Amino acid sequence: MVPDETQESSMNKAQIIASIDVAMGGHVAEKLIIGNEKISSGCGSDLRGATDLAVRAVRLYGMFGEELGYSSTQKKEASDDYNAKVDKCVKKILDESFTRVELLLQTKDKELRRLSKYLY
């Protein structure tokens, strides 16, 4: 669901966050419908895409500069301390996305369950 760097046109911060939320949707839906213990590997590529997009937003686009400063730095060019801060910021973005999507899908529980009947 998340475009790679070659497919991506200019995106603003809100669009990137929305794309991360969309990618997080399958994982959250599985958790709500079938439970944590039965979550499949099916949404792994979406989670990987969400993570990659969050990393690019933080590391390359400076979109979360209020937490890390405004720079564009590749992992190999940065200190271990800076890379740890990037990881922490990416985790925060993904955790906040999970929470947003979970709340949204909980409010749409009836629709989600109806849709899930056609997917399983």
PDB file of N, CA and C in Angstrom:
ATOM      1  N   MET A   1       0.806  -1.197   0.000  1.00  0.00           N
ATOM      2  CA  MET A   1       0.000   0.000   0.000  1.00  0.00           C
ATOM      3  C   MET A   1       0.850   1.263   0.000  1.00  0.00           C
ATOM      4  N   VAL A   2       2.041   1.206   0.521  1.00  0.00           N
ATOM      5  CA  VAL A   2       2.890   2.383   0.603  1.00  0.00           C
ATOM      6  C   VAL A   2       3.819   2.387  -0.604  1.00  0.00           C
ATOM      7  N   PRO A   3       3.835   3.471  -1.381  1.00  0.00           N
ATOM      8  CA  PRO A   3       4.697   3.499  -2.561  1.00  0.00           C
ATOM      9  C   PRO A   3       6.168   3.483  -2.185  1.00  0.00           C
ATOM     10  N   ASP A   4       6.981   2.887  -3.062  1.00  0.00           N
ATOM     11  CA  ASP A   4       8.414   2.961  -2.798  1.00  0.00           C
ATOM     12  C   ASP A   4       8.936   4.299  -3.311  1.00  0.00           C
ATOM     13  N   GLU A   5      10.201   4.547  -3.104  1.00  0.00           N
ATOM     14  CA  GLU A   5      10.774   5.854  -3.433  1.00  0.00           C
ATOM     15  C   GLU A   5      10.664   6.183  -4.918  1.00  0.00           C
ATOM     16  N   THR A   6      10.654   5.179  -5.802  1.00  0.00           N
ATOM     17  CA  THR A   6      10.588   5.452  -7.230  1.00  0.00           C
ATOM     18  C   THR A   6       9.172   5.812  -7.667  1.00  0.00           C
ATOM     19  N   GLN A   7       8.162   5.380  -6.934  1.00  0.00           N
ATOM     20  CA  GLN A   7       6.764   5.654  -7.274  1.00  0.00           C
ATOM     21  C   GLN A   7       6.258   6.918  -6.604  1.00  0.00           C
ATOM     22  N   GLU A   8       6.927   7.350  -5.617  1.00  0.00           N
ATOM     23  CA  GLU A   8       6.450   8.424  -4.758  1.00  0.00           C
ATOM     24  C   GLU A   8       6.620   9.790  -5.402  1.00  0.00           C
ATOM     25  N   SER A   9       5.545  10.547  -5.432  1.00  0.00           N
ATOM     26  CA  SER A   9       5.668  11.946  -5.814  1.00  0.00           C
ATOM     27  C   SER A   9       5.774  12.742  -4.523  1.00  0.00           C
ATOM     28  N   SER A  10       5.814  14.028  -4.627  1.00  0.00           N
ATOM     29  CA  SER A  10       5.926  14.854  -3.438  1.00  0.00           C
ATOM     30  C   SER A  10       4.717  14.644  -2.535  1.00  0.00           C
ATOM     31  N   MET A  11       4.979  14.336  -1.287  1.00  0.00           N
ATOM     32  CA  MET A  11       3.918  14.115  -0.305  1.00  0.00           C
ATOM     33  C   MET A  11       4.160  15.036   0.881  1.00  0.00           C
ATOM     34  N   ASN A  12       3.081  15.566   1.437  1.00  0.00           N
ATOM     35  CA  ASN A  12       3.247  16.364   2.637  1.00  0.00           C
ATOM     36  C   ASN A  12       3.136  15.459   3.872  1.00  0.00           C
ATOM     37  N   LYS A  13       3.405  16.022   5.026  1.00  0.00           N
ATOM     38  CA  LYS A  13       3.427  15.245   6.265  1.00  0.00           C
ATOM     39  C   LYS A  13       2.087  14.563   6.523  1.00  0.00           C
ATOM     40  N   ALA A  14       0.976  15.277   6.302  1.00  0.00           N
ATOM     41  CA  ALA A  14      -0.352  14.688   6.527  1.00  0.00           C
ATOM     42  C   ALA A  14      -0.589  13.506   5.589  1.00  0.00           C
ATOM     43  N   GLN A  15      -0.147  13.603   4.346  1.00  0.00           N
ATOM     44  CA  GLN A  15      -0.310  12.498   3.400  1.00  0.00           C
ATOM     45  C   GLN A  15       0.538  11.292   3.799  1.00  0.00           C
ATOM     46  N   ILE A  16       1.721  11.555   4.288  1.00  0.00           N
ATOM     47  CA  ILE A  16       2.576  10.450   4.730  1.00  0.00           C
ATOM     48  C   ILE A  16       1.955   9.751   5.931  1.00  0.00           C
ATOM     49  N   ILE A  17       1.473  10.512   6.887  1.00  0.00           N
ATOM     50  CA  ILE A  17       0.830   9.917   8.065  1.00  0.00           C
ATOM     51  C   ILE A  17      -0.401   9.121   7.638  1.00  0.00           C
ATOM     52  N   ALA A  18      -1.192   9.651   6.702  1.00  0.00           N
ATOM     53  CA  ALA A  18      -2.365   8.932   6.207  1.00  0.00           C
ATOM     54  C   ALA A  18      -1.964   7.628   5.519  1.00  0.00           C
ATOM     55  N   SER A  19      -0.892   7.652   4.745  1.00  0.00           N
ATOM     56  CA  SER A  19      -0.409   6.435   4.085  1.00  0.00           C
ATOM     57  C   SER A  19       0.055   5.401   5.103  1.00  0.00           C
ATOM     58  N   ILE A  20       0.704   5.852   6.145  1.00  0.00           N
ATOM     59  CA  ILE A  20       1.132   4.944   7.214  1.00  0.00           C
ATOM     60  C   ILE A  20      -0.100   4.335   7.881  1.00  0.00           C
ATOM     61  N   ASP A  21      -1.113   5.151   8.127  1.00  0.00           N
ATOM     62  CA  ASP A  21      -2.348   4.653   8.744  1.00  0.00           C
ATOM     63  C   ASP A  21      -3.022   3.594   7.868  1.00  0.00           C
ATOM     64  N   VAL A  22      -3.081   3.832   6.566  1.00  0.00           N
ATOM     65  CA  VAL A  22      -3.681   2.858   5.648  1.00  0.00           C
ATOM     66  C   VAL A  22      -2.913   1.544   5.709  1.00  0.00           C
ATOM     67  N   ALA A  23      -1.585   1.646   5.683  1.00  0.00           N
ATOM     68  CA  ALA A  23      -0.763   0.440   5.736  1.00  0.00           C
ATOM     69  C   ALA A  23      -0.937  -0.307   7.052  1.00  0.00           C
ATOM     70  N   MET A  24      -1.187   0.408   8.125  1.00  0.00           N
ATOM     71  CA  MET A  24      -1.367  -0.198   9.446  1.00  0.00           C
ATOM     72  C   MET A  24      -2.732  -0.896   9.565  1.00  0.00           C
ATOM     73  N   GLY A  25      -3.664  -0.543   8.687  1.00  0.00           N
ATOM     74  CA  GLY A  25      -5.040  -1.016   8.789  1.00  0.00           C
ATOM     75  C   GLY A  25      -5.211  -2.520   8.817  1.00  0.00           C
ATOM     76  N   GLY A  26      -4.516  -3.243   7.958  1.00  0.00           N
ATOM     77  CA  GLY A  26      -4.675  -4.696   7.913  1.00  0.00           C
ATOM     78  C   GLY A  26      -4.259  -5.366   9.209  1.00  0.00           C
ATOM     79  N   HIS A  27      -3.162  -4.924   9.753  1.00  0.00           N
ATOM     80  CA  HIS A  27      -2.662  -5.498  11.004  1.00  0.00           C
ATOM     81  C   HIS A  27      -3.644  -5.236  12.141  1.00  0.00           C
ATOM     82  N   VAL A  28      -4.130  -4.013  12.224  1.00  0.00           N
ATOM     83  CA  VAL A  28      -5.077  -3.655  13.284  1.00  0.00           C
ATOM     84  C   VAL A  28      -6.384  -4.421  13.100  1.00  0.00           C
ATOM     85  N   ALA A  29      -6.856  -4.516  11.864  1.00  0.00           N
ATOM     86  CA  ALA A  29      -8.107  -5.237  11.603  1.00  0.00           C
ATOM     87  C   ALA A  29      -7.991  -6.700  12.020  1.00  0.00           C
ATOM     88  N   GLU A  30      -6.865  -7.324  11.702  1.00  0.00           N
ATOM     89  CA  GLU A  30      -6.680  -8.713  12.126  1.00  0.00           C
ATOM     90  C   GLU A  30      -6.717  -8.826  13.639  1.00  0.00           C
ATOM     91  N   LYS A  31      -6.060  -7.922  14.321  1.00  0.00           N
ATOM     92  CA  LYS A  31      -6.053  -7.951  15.785  1.00  0.00           C
ATOM     93  C   LYS A  31      -7.477  -7.873  16.324  1.00  0.00           C
ATOM     94  N   LEU A  32      -8.265  -6.978  15.762  1.00  0.00           N
ATOM     95  CA  LEU A  32      -9.627  -6.788  16.260  1.00  0.00           C
ATOM     96  C   LEU A  32     -10.551  -7.940  15.897  1.00  0.00           C
ATOM     97  N   ILE A  33     -10.379  -8.539  14.728  1.00  0.00           N
ATOM     98  CA  ILE A  33     -11.287  -9.580  14.254  1.00  0.00           C
ATOM     99  C   ILE A  33     -10.894 -10.959  14.763  1.00  0.00           C
ATOM    100  N   ILE A  34      -9.625 -11.305  14.647  1.00  0.00           N
ATOM    101  CA  ILE A  34      -9.227 -12.674  15.013  1.00  0.00           C
ATOM    102  C   ILE A  34      -8.393 -12.753  16.282  1.00  0.00           C
ATOM    103  N   GLY A  35      -7.959 -11.618  16.802  1.00  0.00           N
ATOM    104  CA  GLY A  35      -7.211 -11.605  18.059  1.00  0.00           C
ATOM    105  C   GLY A  35      -5.707 -11.640  17.863  1.00  0.00           C
ATOM    106  N   ASN A  36      -5.000 -11.146  18.859  1.00  0.00           N
ATOM    107  CA  ASN A  36      -3.533 -11.048  18.817  1.00  0.00           C
ATOM    108  C   ASN A  36      -2.847 -12.373  18.555  1.00  0.00           C
ATOM    109  N   GLU A  37      -3.364 -13.446  19.131  1.00  0.00           N
ATOM    110  CA  GLU A  37      -2.698 -14.746  19.028  1.00  0.00           C
ATOM    111  C   GLU A  37      -2.807 -15.368  17.643  1.00  0.00           C
ATOM    112  N   LYS A  38      -3.709 -14.868  16.802  1.00  0.00           N
ATOM    113  CA  LYS A  38      -3.910 -15.463  15.478  1.00  0.00           C
ATOM    114  C   LYS A  38      -3.547 -14.522  14.338  1.00  0.00           C
ATOM    115  N   ILE A  39      -2.875 -13.430  14.648  1.00  0.00           N
ATOM    116  CA  ILE A  39      -2.471 -12.491  13.599  1.00  0.00           C
ATOM    117  C   ILE A  39      -1.549 -13.212  12.619  1.00  0.00           C
ATOM    118  N   SER A  40      -1.798 -13.010  11.327  1.00  0.00           N
ATOM    119  CA  SER A  40      -1.011 -13.689  10.300  1.00  0.00           C
ATOM    120  C   SER A  40       0.155 -12.820   9.826  1.00  0.00           C
ATOM    121  N   SER A  41       0.972 -13.417   8.994  1.00  0.00           N
ATOM    122  CA  SER A  41       2.093 -12.685   8.400  1.00  0.00           C
ATOM    123  C   SER A  41       1.659 -11.910   7.159  1.00  0.00           C
ATOM    124  N   GLY A  42       0.394 -11.998   6.803  1.00  0.00           N
ATOM    125  CA  GLY A  42      -0.123 -11.394   5.578  1.00  0.00           C
ATOM    126  C   GLY A  42       0.077  -9.900   5.457  1.00  0.00           C
ATOM    127  N   CYS A  43       0.080  -9.208   6.556  1.00  0.00           N
ATOM    128  CA  CYS A  43       0.222  -7.747   6.465  1.00  0.00           C
ATOM    129  C   CYS A  43       1.669  -7.301   6.705  1.00  0.00           C
ATOM    130  N   GLY A  44       2.590  -8.240   6.675  1.00  0.00           N
ATOM    131  CA  GLY A  44       3.996  -7.907   6.905  1.00  0.00           C
ATOM    132  C   GLY A  44       4.546  -6.896   5.927  1.00  0.00           C
ATOM    133  N   SER A  45       4.179  -7.020   4.659  1.00  0.00           N
ATOM    134  CA  SER A  45       4.704  -6.071   3.675  1.00  0.00           C
ATOM    135  C   SER A  45       4.125  -4.674   3.905  1.00  0.00           C
ATOM    136  N   ASP A  46       2.876  -4.597   4.362  1.00  0.00           N
ATOM    137  CA  ASP A  46       2.295  -3.291   4.686  1.00  0.00           C
ATOM    138  C   ASP A  46       3.021  -2.660   5.874  1.00  0.00           C
ATOM    139  N   LEU A  47       3.319  -3.457   6.888  1.00  0.00           N
ATOM    140  CA  LEU A  47       4.042  -2.934   8.053  1.00  0.00           C
ATOM    141  C   LEU A  47       5.452  -2.492   7.666  1.00  0.00           C
ATOM    142  N   ARG A  48       6.083  -3.263   6.799  1.00  0.00           N
ATOM    143  CA  ARG A  48       7.420  -2.901   6.325  1.00  0.00           C
ATOM    144  C   ARG A  48       7.350  -1.582   5.544  1.00  0.00           C
ATOM    145  N   GLY A  49       6.321  -1.446   4.708  1.00  0.00           N
ATOM    146  CA  GLY A  49       6.159  -0.204   3.949  1.00  0.00           C
ATOM    147  C   GLY A  49       5.891   0.984   4.854  1.00  0.00           C
ATOM    148  N   ALA A  50       5.056   0.781   5.886  1.00  0.00           N
ATOM    149  CA  ALA A  50       4.764   1.857   6.843  1.00  0.00           C
ATOM    150  C   ALA A  50       6.037   2.266   7.571  1.00  0.00           C
ATOM    151  N   THR A  51       6.818   1.288   7.965  1.00  0.00           N
ATOM    152  CA  THR A  51       8.071   1.568   8.670  1.00  0.00           C
ATOM    153  C   THR A  51       9.044   2.316   7.761  1.00  0.00           C
ATOM    154  N   ASP A  52       9.183   1.852   6.533  1.00  0.00           N
ATOM    155  CA  ASP A  52      10.089   2.520   5.592  1.00  0.00           C
ATOM    156  C   ASP A  52       9.665   3.964   5.345  1.00  0.00           C
ATOM    157  N   LEU A  53       8.366   4.187   5.199  1.00  0.00           N
ATOM    158  CA  LEU A  53       7.877   5.544   4.964  1.00  0.00           C
ATOM    159  C   LEU A  53       8.125   6.431   6.183  1.00  0.00           C
ATOM    160  N   ALA A  54       7.905   5.890   7.375  1.00  0.00           N
ATOM    161  CA  ALA A  54       8.172   6.657   8.599  1.00  0.00           C
ATOM    162  C   ALA A  54       9.658   6.992   8.711  1.00  0.00           C
ATOM    163  N   VAL A  55      10.510   6.038   8.387  1.00  0.00           N
ATOM    164  CA  VAL A  55      11.959   6.280   8.434  1.00  0.00           C
ATOM    165  C   VAL A  55      12.340   7.392   7.460  1.00  0.00           C
ATOM    166  N   ARG A  56      11.810   7.342   6.244  1.00  0.00           N
ATOM    167  CA  ARG A  56      12.138   8.382   5.263  1.00  0.00           C
ATOM    168  C   ARG A  56      11.632   9.746   5.730  1.00  0.00           C
ATOM    169  N   ALA A  57      10.422   9.785   6.305  1.00  0.00           N
ATOM    170  CA  ALA A  57       9.866  11.058   6.788  1.00  0.00           C
ATOM    171  C   ALA A  57      10.760  11.669   7.859  1.00  0.00           C
ATOM    172  N   VAL A  58      11.296  10.825   8.725  1.00  0.00           N
ATOM    173  CA  VAL A  58      12.153  11.303   9.817  1.00  0.00           C
ATOM    174  C   VAL A  58      13.564  11.592   9.321  1.00  0.00           C
ATOM    175  N   ARG A  59      14.164  10.611   8.670  1.00  0.00           N
ATOM    176  CA  ARG A  59      15.587  10.664   8.345  1.00  0.00           C
ATOM    177  C   ARG A  59      15.901  11.523   7.126  1.00  0.00           C
ATOM    178  N   LEU A  60      15.061  11.452   6.093  1.00  0.00           N
ATOM    179  CA  LEU A  60      15.392  12.125   4.840  1.00  0.00           C
ATOM    180  C   LEU A  60      14.631  13.423   4.613  1.00  0.00           C
ATOM    181  N   TYR A  61      13.384  13.482   5.087  1.00  0.00           N
ATOM    182  CA  TYR A  61      12.546  14.640   4.781  1.00  0.00           C
ATOM    183  C   TYR A  61      12.498  15.663   5.905  1.00  0.00           C
ATOM    184  N   GLY A  62      13.031  15.341   7.064  1.00  0.00           N
ATOM    185  CA  GLY A  62      13.051  16.283   8.182  1.00  0.00           C
ATOM    186  C   GLY A  62      11.676  16.669   8.692  1.00  0.00           C
ATOM    187  N   MET A  63      10.676  15.802   8.479  1.00  0.00           N
ATOM    188  CA  MET A  63       9.295  16.141   8.842  1.00  0.00           C
ATOM    189  C   MET A  63       9.024  16.077  10.338  1.00  0.00           C
ATOM    190  N   PHE A  64       9.915  15.481  11.077  1.00  0.00           N
ATOM    191  CA  PHE A  64       9.749  15.399  12.522  1.00  0.00           C
ATOM    192  C   PHE A  64      10.941  16.063  13.195  1.00  0.00           C
ATOM    193  N   GLY A  65      11.353  17.167  12.603  1.00  0.00           N
ATOM    194  CA  GLY A  65      12.521  17.910  13.058  1.00  0.00           C
ATOM    195  C   GLY A  65      12.385  18.463  14.455  1.00  0.00           C
ATOM    196  N   GLU A  66      11.153  18.665  14.902  1.00  0.00           N
ATOM    197  CA  GLU A  66      10.970  19.167  16.261  1.00  0.00           C
ATOM    198  C   GLU A  66      11.547  18.194  17.287  1.00  0.00           C
ATOM    199  N   GLU A  67      11.684  16.934  16.894  1.00  0.00           N
ATOM    200  CA  GLU A  67      12.245  15.940  17.809  1.00  0.00           C
ATOM    201  C   GLU A  67      13.712  15.642  17.523  1.00  0.00           C
ATOM    202  N   LEU A  68      14.142  15.790  16.273  1.00  0.00           N
ATOM    203  CA  LEU A  68      15.491  15.370  15.885  1.00  0.00           C
ATOM    204  C   LEU A  68      16.333  16.452  15.237  1.00  0.00           C
ATOM    205  N   GLY A  69      15.744  17.579  15.005  1.00  0.00           N
ATOM    206  CA  GLY A  69      16.448  18.595  14.238  1.00  0.00           C
ATOM    207  C   GLY A  69      16.126  18.413  12.772  1.00  0.00           C
ATOM    208  N   TYR A  70      16.423  19.408  11.996  1.00  0.00           N
ATOM    209  CA  TYR A  70      16.063  19.398  10.582  1.00  0.00           C
ATOM    210  C   TYR A  70      17.291  19.064   9.753  1.00  0.00           C
ATOM    211  N   SER A  71      17.361  17.818   9.353  1.00  0.00           N
ATOM    212  CA  SER A  71      18.478  17.390   8.520  1.00  0.00           C
ATOM    213  C   SER A  71      18.032  16.199   7.692  1.00  0.00           C
ATOM    214  N   SER A  72      18.808  15.868   6.707  1.00  0.00           N
ATOM    215  CA  SER A  72      18.589  14.684   5.886  1.00  0.00           C
ATOM    216  C   SER A  72      19.852  13.850   6.003  1.00  0.00           C
ATOM    217  N   THR A  73      19.744  12.749   6.733  1.00  0.00           N
ATOM    218  CA  THR A  73      20.928  11.961   7.066  1.00  0.00           C
ATOM    219  C   THR A  73      20.679  10.479   6.836  1.00  0.00           C
ATOM    220  N   GLN A  74      21.546   9.855   6.078  1.00  0.00           N
ATOM    221  CA  GLN A  74      21.487   8.409   5.910  1.00  0.00           C
ATOM    222  C   GLN A  74      21.989   7.737   7.187  1.00  0.00           C
ATOM    223  N   LYS A  75      21.523   6.535   7.433  1.00  0.00           N
ATOM    224  CA  LYS A  75      21.897   5.817   8.658  1.00  0.00           C
ATOM    225  C   LYS A  75      23.411   5.692   8.801  1.00  0.00           C
ATOM    226  N   LYS A  76      24.074   5.342   7.725  1.00  0.00           N
ATOM    227  CA  LYS A  76      25.526   5.124   7.793  1.00  0.00           C
ATOM    228  C   LYS A  76      26.310   6.411   8.047  1.00  0.00           C
ATOM    229  N   GLU A  77      25.678   7.566   7.788  1.00  0.00           N
ATOM    230  CA  GLU A  77      26.344   8.856   7.987  1.00  0.00           C
ATOM    231  C   GLU A  77      26.154   9.402   9.397  1.00  0.00           C
ATOM    232  N   ALA A  78      25.264   8.780  10.174  1.00  0.00           N
ATOM    233  CA  ALA A  78      24.872   9.340  11.463  1.00  0.00           C
ATOM    234  C   ALA A  78      25.501   8.568  12.620  1.00  0.00           C
ATOM    235  N   SER A  79      25.516   9.211  13.760  1.00  0.00           N
ATOM    236  CA  SER A  79      26.050   8.574  14.970  1.00  0.00           C
ATOM    237  C   SER A  79      25.060   7.528  15.487  1.00  0.00           C
ATOM    238  N   ASP A  80      25.566   6.650  16.331  1.00  0.00           N
ATOM    239  CA  ASP A  80      24.693   5.647  16.954  1.00  0.00           C
ATOM    240  C   ASP A  80      23.612   6.318  17.782  1.00  0.00           C
ATOM    241  N   ASP A  81      23.962   7.414  18.454  1.00  0.00           N
ATOM    242  CA  ASP A  81      22.984   8.149  19.263  1.00  0.00           C
ATOM    243  C   ASP A  81      21.869   8.717  18.385  1.00  0.00           C
ATOM    244  N   TYR A  82      22.232   9.325  17.264  1.00  0.00           N
ATOM    245  CA  TYR A  82      21.233   9.882  16.353  1.00  0.00           C
ATOM    246  C   TYR A  82      20.359   8.772  15.777  1.00  0.00           C
ATOM    247  N   ASN A  83      20.969   7.660  15.367  1.00  0.00           N
ATOM    248  CA  ASN A  83      20.204   6.536  14.823  1.00  0.00           C
ATOM    249  C   ASN A  83      19.224   5.976  15.851  1.00  0.00           C
ATOM    250  N   ALA A  84      19.635   5.939  17.116  1.00  0.00           N
ATOM    251  CA  ALA A  84      18.724   5.479  18.175  1.00  0.00           C
ATOM    252  C   ALA A  84      17.554   6.444  18.329  1.00  0.00           C
ATOM    253  N   LYS A  85      17.820   7.740  18.194  1.00  0.00           N
ATOM    254  CA  LYS A  85      16.737   8.730  18.271  1.00  0.00           C
ATOM    255  C   LYS A  85      15.781   8.585  17.086  1.00  0.00           C
ATOM    256  N   VAL A  86      16.322   8.301  15.905  1.00  0.00           N
ATOM    257  CA  VAL A  86      15.475   8.059  14.729  1.00  0.00           C
ATOM    258  C   VAL A  86      14.579   6.854  14.990  1.00  0.00           C
ATOM    259  N   ASP A  87      15.170   5.770  15.487  1.00  0.00           N
ATOM    260  CA  ASP A  87      14.388   4.565  15.782  1.00  0.00           C
ATOM    261  C   ASP A  87      13.273   4.859  16.775  1.00  0.00           C
ATOM    262  N   LYS A  88      13.568   5.642  17.791  1.00  0.00           N
ATOM    263  CA  LYS A  88      12.568   5.997  18.806  1.00  0.00           C
ATOM    264  C   LYS A  88      11.442   6.827  18.188  1.00  0.00           C
ATOM    265  N   CYS A  89      11.795   7.765  17.324  1.00  0.00           N
ATOM    266  CA  CYS A  89      10.800   8.613  16.666  1.00  0.00           C
ATOM    267  C   CYS A  89       9.932   7.780  15.717  1.00  0.00           C
ATOM    268  N   VAL A  90      10.536   6.871  14.965  1.00  0.00           N
ATOM    269  CA  VAL A  90       9.790   5.996  14.058  1.00  0.00           C
ATOM    270  C   VAL A  90       8.830   5.117  14.860  1.00  0.00           C
ATOM    271  N   LYS A  91       9.297   4.575  15.964  1.00  0.00           N
ATOM    272  CA  LYS A  91       8.418   3.759  16.817  1.00  0.00           C
ATOM    273  C   LYS A  91       7.227   4.575  17.298  1.00  0.00           C
ATOM    274  N   LYS A  92       7.482   5.809  17.688  1.00  0.00           N
ATOM    275  CA  LYS A  92       6.396   6.686  18.148  1.00  0.00           C
ATOM    276  C   LYS A  92       5.380   6.927  17.027  1.00  0.00           C
ATOM    277  N   ILE A  93       5.855   7.198  15.817  1.00  0.00           N
ATOM    278  CA  ILE A  93       4.963   7.417  14.677  1.00  0.00           C
ATOM    279  C   ILE A  93       4.103   6.185  14.432  1.00  0.00           C
ATOM    280  N   LEU A  94       4.728   5.010  14.432  1.00  0.00           N
ATOM    281  CA  LEU A  94       3.991   3.770  14.179  1.00  0.00           C
ATOM    282  C   LEU A  94       3.026   3.447  15.311  1.00  0.00           C
ATOM    283  N   ASP A  95       3.432   3.663  16.553  1.00  0.00           N
ATOM    284  CA  ASP A  95       2.539   3.424  17.693  1.00  0.00           C
ATOM    285  C   ASP A  95       1.332   4.356  17.650  1.00  0.00           C
ATOM    286  N   GLU A  96       1.573   5.628  17.313  1.00  0.00           N
ATOM    287  CA  GLU A  96       0.460   6.577  17.222  1.00  0.00           C
ATOM    288  C   GLU A  96      -0.476   6.202  16.078  1.00  0.00           C
ATOM    289  N   SER A  97       0.078   5.731  14.983  1.00  0.00           N
ATOM    290  CA  SER A  97      -0.740   5.282  13.858  1.00  0.00           C
ATOM    291  C   SER A  97      -1.590   4.094  14.280  1.00  0.00           C
ATOM    292  N   PHE A  98      -0.984   3.122  14.929  1.00  0.00           N
ATOM    293  CA  PHE A  98      -1.722   1.943  15.390  1.00  0.00           C
ATOM    294  C   PHE A  98      -2.904   2.372  16.258  1.00  0.00           C
ATOM    295  N   THR A  99      -2.669   3.280  17.185  1.00  0.00           N
ATOM    296  CA  THR A  99      -3.722   3.751  18.091  1.00  0.00           C
ATOM    297  C   THR A  99      -4.829   4.463  17.316  1.00  0.00           C
ATOM    298  N   ARG A 100      -4.465   5.335  16.375  1.00  0.00           N
ATOM    299  CA  ARG A 100      -5.464   6.051  15.562  1.00  0.00           C
ATOM    300  C   ARG A 100      -6.327   5.072  14.776  1.00  0.00           C
ATOM    301  N   VAL A 101      -5.667   4.125  14.115  1.00  0.00           N
ATOM    302  CA  VAL A 101      -6.382   3.158  13.276  1.00  0.00           C
ATOM    303  C   VAL A 101      -7.251   2.247  14.135  1.00  0.00           C
ATOM    304  N   GLU A 102      -6.729   1.827  15.277  1.00  0.00           N
ATOM    305  CA  GLU A 102      -7.505   0.967  16.172  1.00  0.00           C
ATOM    306  C   GLU A 102      -8.774   1.687  16.636  1.00  0.00           C
ATOM    307  N   LEU A 103      -8.662   2.945  17.024  1.00  0.00           N
ATOM    308  CA  LEU A 103      -9.838   3.706  17.450  1.00  0.00           C
ATOM    309  C   LEU A 103     -10.840   3.856  16.308  1.00  0.00           C
ATOM    310  N   LEU A 104     -10.342   4.144  15.114  1.00  0.00           N
ATOM    311  CA  LEU A 104     -11.223   4.285  13.963  1.00  0.00           C
ATOM    312  C   LEU A 104     -11.956   2.984  13.665  1.00  0.00           C
ATOM    313  N   LEU A 105     -11.219   1.880  13.628  1.00  0.00           N
ATOM    314  CA  LEU A 105     -11.847   0.600  13.310  1.00  0.00           C
ATOM    315  C   LEU A 105     -12.785   0.129  14.421  1.00  0.00           C
ATOM    316  N   GLN A 106     -12.504   0.481  15.653  1.00  0.00           N
ATOM    317  CA  GLN A 106     -13.427   0.151  16.743  1.00  0.00           C
ATOM    318  C   GLN A 106     -14.747   0.898  16.578  1.00  0.00           C
ATOM    319  N   THR A 107     -14.685   2.131  16.090  1.00  0.00           N
ATOM    320  CA  THR A 107     -15.929   2.881  15.875  1.00  0.00           C
ATOM    321  C   THR A 107     -16.692   2.359  14.664  1.00  0.00           C
ATOM    322  N   LYS A 108     -16.006   1.633  13.784  1.00  0.00           N
ATOM    323  CA  LYS A 108     -16.627   1.050  12.590  1.00  0.00           C
ATOM    324  C   LYS A 108     -16.682  -0.472  12.703  1.00  0.00           C
ATOM    325  N   ASP A 109     -16.847  -0.980  13.915  1.00  0.00           N
ATOM    326  CA  ASP A 109     -16.782  -2.414  14.177  1.00  0.00           C
ATOM    327  C   ASP A 109     -17.778  -3.212  13.333  1.00  0.00           C
ATOM    328  N   LYS A 110     -18.994  -2.750  13.262  1.00  0.00           N
ATOM    329  CA  LYS A 110     -20.024  -3.482  12.511  1.00  0.00           C
ATOM    330  C   LYS A 110     -19.626  -3.612  11.037  1.00  0.00           C
ATOM    331  N   GLU A 111     -19.173  -2.518  10.448  1.00  0.00           N
ATOM    332  CA  GLU A 111     -18.751  -2.531   9.054  1.00  0.00           C
ATOM    333  C   GLU A 111     -17.520  -3.412   8.849  1.00  0.00           C
ATOM    334  N   LEU A 112     -16.583  -3.342   9.785  1.00  0.00           N
ATOM    335  CA  LEU A 112     -15.367  -4.143   9.708  1.00  0.00           C
ATOM    336  C   LEU A 112     -15.699  -5.632   9.749  1.00  0.00           C
ATOM    337  N   ARG A 113     -16.571  -6.027  10.649  1.00  0.00           N
ATOM    338  CA  ARG A 113     -16.934  -7.448  10.758  1.00  0.00           C
ATOM    339  C   ARG A 113     -17.690  -7.928   9.525  1.00  0.00           C
ATOM    340  N   ARG A 114     -18.534  -7.081   8.983  1.00  0.00           N
ATOM    341  CA  ARG A 114     -19.257  -7.443   7.756  1.00  0.00           C
ATOM    342  C   ARG A 114     -18.263  -7.645   6.614  1.00  0.00           C
ATOM    343  N   LEU A 115     -17.321  -6.746   6.469  1.00  0.00           N
ATOM    344  CA  LEU A 115     -16.306  -6.864   5.424  1.00  0.00           C
ATOM    345  C   LEU A 115     -15.442  -8.100   5.643  1.00  0.00           C
ATOM    346  N   SER A 116     -15.070  -8.372   6.881  1.00  0.00           N
ATOM    347  CA  SER A 116     -14.173  -9.497   7.161  1.00  0.00           C
ATOM    348  C   SER A 116     -14.796 -10.828   6.789  1.00  0.00           C
ATOM    349  N   LYS A 117     -16.114 -10.935   6.818  1.00  0.00           N
ATOM    350  CA  LYS A 117     -16.783 -12.184   6.432  1.00  0.00           C
ATOM    351  C   LYS A 117     -16.484 -12.539   4.983  1.00  0.00           C
ATOM    352  N   TYR A 118     -16.301 -11.523   4.149  1.00  0.00           N
ATOM    353  CA  TYR A 118     -16.033 -11.756   2.735  1.00  0.00           C
ATOM    354  C   TYR A 118     -14.566 -12.030   2.461  1.00  0.00           C
ATOM    355  N   LEU A 119     -13.704 -11.740   3.404  1.00  0.00           N
ATOM    356  CA  LEU A 119     -12.276 -11.913   3.201  1.00  0.00           C
ATOM    357  C   LEU A 119     -11.761 -13.237   3.729  1.00  0.00           C
ATOM    358  N   TYR A 120     -12.466 -13.846   4.658  1.00  0.00           N
ATOM    359  CA  TYR A 120     -11.997 -15.110   5.235  1.00  0.00           C
ATOM    360  C   TYR A 120     -12.780 -16.276   4.744  1.00  0.00           C
TER     361      TYR A 120
END
